[in-house]
Amino acid sequence: MNNWNNNQSSPEQLKKEIIRLQKLVFLIYSKLPQEERQAIFDQLSNSFDPEDKDISMLINSYRI
């Protein structure tokens, strides 16, 4: 990955980094046992933070 302290990153570079990190998180999430995935999903979906709810909808597509 690029230098994290580089404030010169373009929006395109930042978007690529975010997508890369999302893929990594979803890969790790998919390897967790079902009970742990459910606990993470429940915690995010029951949160009052709208961003947490958005994340729960995203990871819901990775639940098997």
N, C-alpha and C. Protein backbone atom coordinates (compact mmCIF):
# COMPACT_ATOMS: atom_id res chain seq x y z
N MET A 1 0.83 -1.18 0.00
CA MET A 1 0.00 0.00 0.00
C MET A 1 0.88 1.24 0.00
N ASN A 2 0.27 2.32 -0.36
CA ASN A 2 1.00 3.57 -0.42
C ASN A 2 1.27 4.12 0.97
N ASN A 3 2.08 5.16 1.01
CA ASN A 3 2.38 5.83 2.26
C ASN A 3 1.10 6.42 2.84
N TRP A 4 0.74 6.00 4.05
CA TRP A 4 -0.52 6.43 4.67
C TRP A 4 -0.51 7.91 5.02
N ASN A 5 0.66 8.49 5.20
CA ASN A 5 0.74 9.90 5.58
C ASN A 5 0.87 10.82 4.37
N ASN A 6 0.71 10.29 3.20
CA ASN A 6 0.84 11.08 1.99
C ASN A 6 -0.43 11.88 1.76
N ASN A 7 -0.37 13.18 2.03
CA ASN A 7 -1.54 14.04 1.84
C ASN A 7 -1.70 14.46 0.39
N GLN A 8 -0.82 14.01 -0.47
CA GLN A 8 -0.85 14.38 -1.87
C GLN A 8 -1.68 13.41 -2.71
N SER A 9 -2.30 12.43 -2.07
CA SER A 9 -3.06 11.42 -2.81
C SER A 9 -4.23 12.05 -3.55
N SER A 10 -4.39 11.61 -4.76
CA SER A 10 -5.50 12.10 -5.56
C SER A 10 -6.78 11.38 -5.14
N PRO A 11 -7.93 11.93 -5.45
CA PRO A 11 -9.19 11.24 -5.13
C PRO A 11 -9.26 9.85 -5.76
N GLU A 12 -8.71 9.70 -6.95
CA GLU A 12 -8.72 8.39 -7.61
C GLU A 12 -7.88 7.38 -6.83
N GLN A 13 -6.72 7.83 -6.36
CA GLN A 13 -5.86 6.95 -5.58
C GLN A 13 -6.54 6.55 -4.27
N LEU A 14 -7.16 7.51 -3.63
CA LEU A 14 -7.86 7.22 -2.38
C LEU A 14 -9.00 6.24 -2.59
N LYS A 15 -9.72 6.41 -3.69
CA LYS A 15 -10.83 5.50 -3.98
C LYS A 15 -10.31 4.08 -4.20
N LYS A 16 -9.20 3.94 -4.92
CA LYS A 16 -8.59 2.62 -5.14
C LYS A 16 -8.18 1.99 -3.82
N GLU A 17 -7.60 2.78 -2.91
CA GLU A 17 -7.19 2.27 -1.61
C GLU A 17 -8.41 1.81 -0.80
N ILE A 18 -9.48 2.58 -0.85
CA ILE A 18 -10.70 2.21 -0.12
C ILE A 18 -11.26 0.91 -0.66
N ILE A 19 -11.31 0.76 -1.96
CA ILE A 19 -11.82 -0.47 -2.57
C ILE A 19 -10.94 -1.65 -2.18
N ARG A 20 -9.64 -1.45 -2.20
CA ARG A 20 -8.71 -2.52 -1.81
C ARG A 20 -8.93 -2.93 -0.35
N LEU A 21 -9.10 -1.95 0.51
CA LEU A 21 -9.34 -2.25 1.93
C LEU A 21 -10.69 -2.93 2.14
N GLN A 22 -11.72 -2.51 1.40
CA GLN A 22 -13.02 -3.17 1.49
C GLN A 22 -12.91 -4.64 1.11
N LYS A 23 -12.22 -4.91 0.03
CA LYS A 23 -12.06 -6.30 -0.41
C LYS A 23 -11.36 -7.13 0.66
N LEU A 24 -10.34 -6.55 1.27
CA LEU A 24 -9.61 -7.26 2.32
C LEU A 24 -10.50 -7.53 3.52
N VAL A 25 -11.25 -6.54 3.95
CA VAL A 25 -12.16 -6.72 5.09
C VAL A 25 -13.20 -7.77 4.77
N PHE A 26 -13.78 -7.74 3.59
CA PHE A 26 -14.81 -8.71 3.23
C PHE A 26 -14.23 -10.12 3.11
N LEU A 27 -12.99 -10.22 2.65
CA LEU A 27 -12.34 -11.53 2.58
C LEU A 27 -12.16 -12.11 3.99
N ILE A 28 -11.66 -11.28 4.90
CA ILE A 28 -11.50 -11.73 6.29
C ILE A 28 -12.85 -12.07 6.89
N TYR A 29 -13.84 -11.21 6.68
CA TYR A 29 -15.19 -11.44 7.21
C TYR A 29 -15.75 -12.77 6.72
N SER A 30 -15.53 -13.08 5.46
CA SER A 30 -16.09 -14.31 4.89
C SER A 30 -15.46 -15.56 5.48
N LYS A 31 -14.26 -15.44 6.07
CA LYS A 31 -13.57 -16.59 6.65
C LYS A 31 -13.95 -16.82 8.12
N LEU A 32 -14.69 -15.89 8.71
CA LEU A 32 -15.10 -16.04 10.11
C LEU A 32 -16.18 -17.10 10.23
N PRO A 33 -16.27 -17.74 11.40
CA PRO A 33 -17.38 -18.67 11.63
C PRO A 33 -18.73 -17.94 11.55
N GLN A 34 -19.76 -18.67 11.20
CA GLN A 34 -21.09 -18.09 11.01
C GLN A 34 -21.55 -17.31 12.24
N GLU A 35 -21.30 -17.83 13.43
CA GLU A 35 -21.75 -17.15 14.65
C GLU A 35 -21.10 -15.78 14.80
N GLU A 36 -19.82 -15.70 14.48
CA GLU A 36 -19.12 -14.42 14.59
C GLU A 36 -19.58 -13.44 13.52
N ARG A 37 -19.82 -13.93 12.32
CA ARG A 37 -20.35 -13.06 11.26
C ARG A 37 -21.72 -12.52 11.66
N GLN A 38 -22.55 -13.38 12.25
CA GLN A 38 -23.88 -12.95 12.68
C GLN A 38 -23.77 -11.90 13.78
N ALA A 39 -22.85 -12.09 14.72
CA ALA A 39 -22.67 -11.13 15.81
C ALA A 39 -22.23 -9.76 15.28
N ILE A 40 -21.32 -9.76 14.32
CA ILE A 40 -20.87 -8.51 13.71
C ILE A 40 -22.02 -7.84 12.98
N PHE A 41 -22.76 -8.62 12.20
CA PHE A 41 -23.90 -8.07 11.47
C PHE A 41 -24.93 -7.49 12.43
N ASP A 42 -25.25 -8.23 13.49
CA ASP A 42 -26.24 -7.77 14.47
C ASP A 42 -25.81 -6.46 15.12
N GLN A 43 -24.54 -6.39 15.50
CA GLN A 43 -24.04 -5.19 16.15
C GLN A 43 -24.14 -3.98 15.22
N LEU A 44 -23.75 -4.15 13.98
CA LEU A 44 -23.82 -3.04 13.03
C LEU A 44 -25.25 -2.66 12.69
N SER A 45 -26.10 -3.65 12.48
CA SER A 45 -27.47 -3.34 12.07
C SER A 45 -28.31 -2.76 13.20
N ASN A 46 -27.91 -3.00 14.46
CA ASN A 46 -28.64 -2.44 15.60
C ASN A 46 -28.07 -1.11 16.07
N SER A 47 -27.04 -0.64 15.41
CA SER A 47 -26.41 0.62 15.78
C SER A 47 -27.31 1.80 15.39
N PHE A 48 -27.13 2.90 16.09
CA PHE A 48 -27.85 4.12 15.74
C PHE A 48 -27.08 4.97 14.74
N ASP A 49 -25.87 4.56 14.44
CA ASP A 49 -25.03 5.28 13.48
C ASP A 49 -25.42 4.87 12.06
N PRO A 50 -25.83 5.82 11.22
CA PRO A 50 -26.23 5.48 9.85
C PRO A 50 -25.12 4.80 9.05
N GLU A 51 -23.86 5.16 9.31
CA GLU A 51 -22.76 4.52 8.59
C GLU A 51 -22.65 3.04 8.96
N ASP A 52 -22.89 2.71 10.22
CA ASP A 52 -22.87 1.31 10.64
C ASP A 52 -23.97 0.52 9.93
N LYS A 53 -25.14 1.13 9.80
CA LYS A 53 -26.24 0.46 9.10
C LYS A 53 -25.90 0.25 7.62
N ASP A 54 -25.24 1.23 7.01
CA ASP A 54 -24.80 1.08 5.62
C ASP A 54 -23.81 -0.08 5.49
N ILE A 55 -22.88 -0.16 6.44
CA ILE A 55 -21.90 -1.25 6.41
C ILE A 55 -22.60 -2.59 6.59
N SER A 56 -23.60 -2.63 7.47
CA SER A 56 -24.30 -3.91 7.68
C SER A 56 -25.00 -4.36 6.40
N MET A 57 -25.53 -3.41 5.64
CA MET A 57 -26.16 -3.78 4.37
C MET A 57 -25.11 -4.30 3.38
N LEU A 58 -23.94 -3.68 3.38
CA LEU A 58 -22.87 -4.14 2.49
C LEU A 58 -22.42 -5.55 2.84
N ILE A 59 -22.17 -5.80 4.13
CA ILE A 59 -21.67 -7.12 4.50
C ILE A 59 -22.76 -8.17 4.41
N ASN A 60 -24.00 -7.76 4.43
CA ASN A 60 -25.09 -8.73 4.31
C ASN A 60 -24.97 -9.52 3.01
N SER A 61 -24.46 -8.89 1.98
CA SER A 61 -24.30 -9.59 0.70
C SER A 61 -23.18 -10.62 0.75
N TYR A 62 -22.32 -10.55 1.77
CA TYR A 62 -21.22 -11.51 1.91
C TYR A 62 -21.54 -12.62 2.90
N ARG A 63 -22.72 -12.56 3.49
CA ARG A 63 -23.11 -13.62 4.44
C ARG A 63 -23.52 -14.84 3.65
N ILE A 64 -23.01 -15.99 4.08
CA ILE A 64 -23.31 -17.25 3.38
C ILE A 64 -24.18 -18.11 4.24
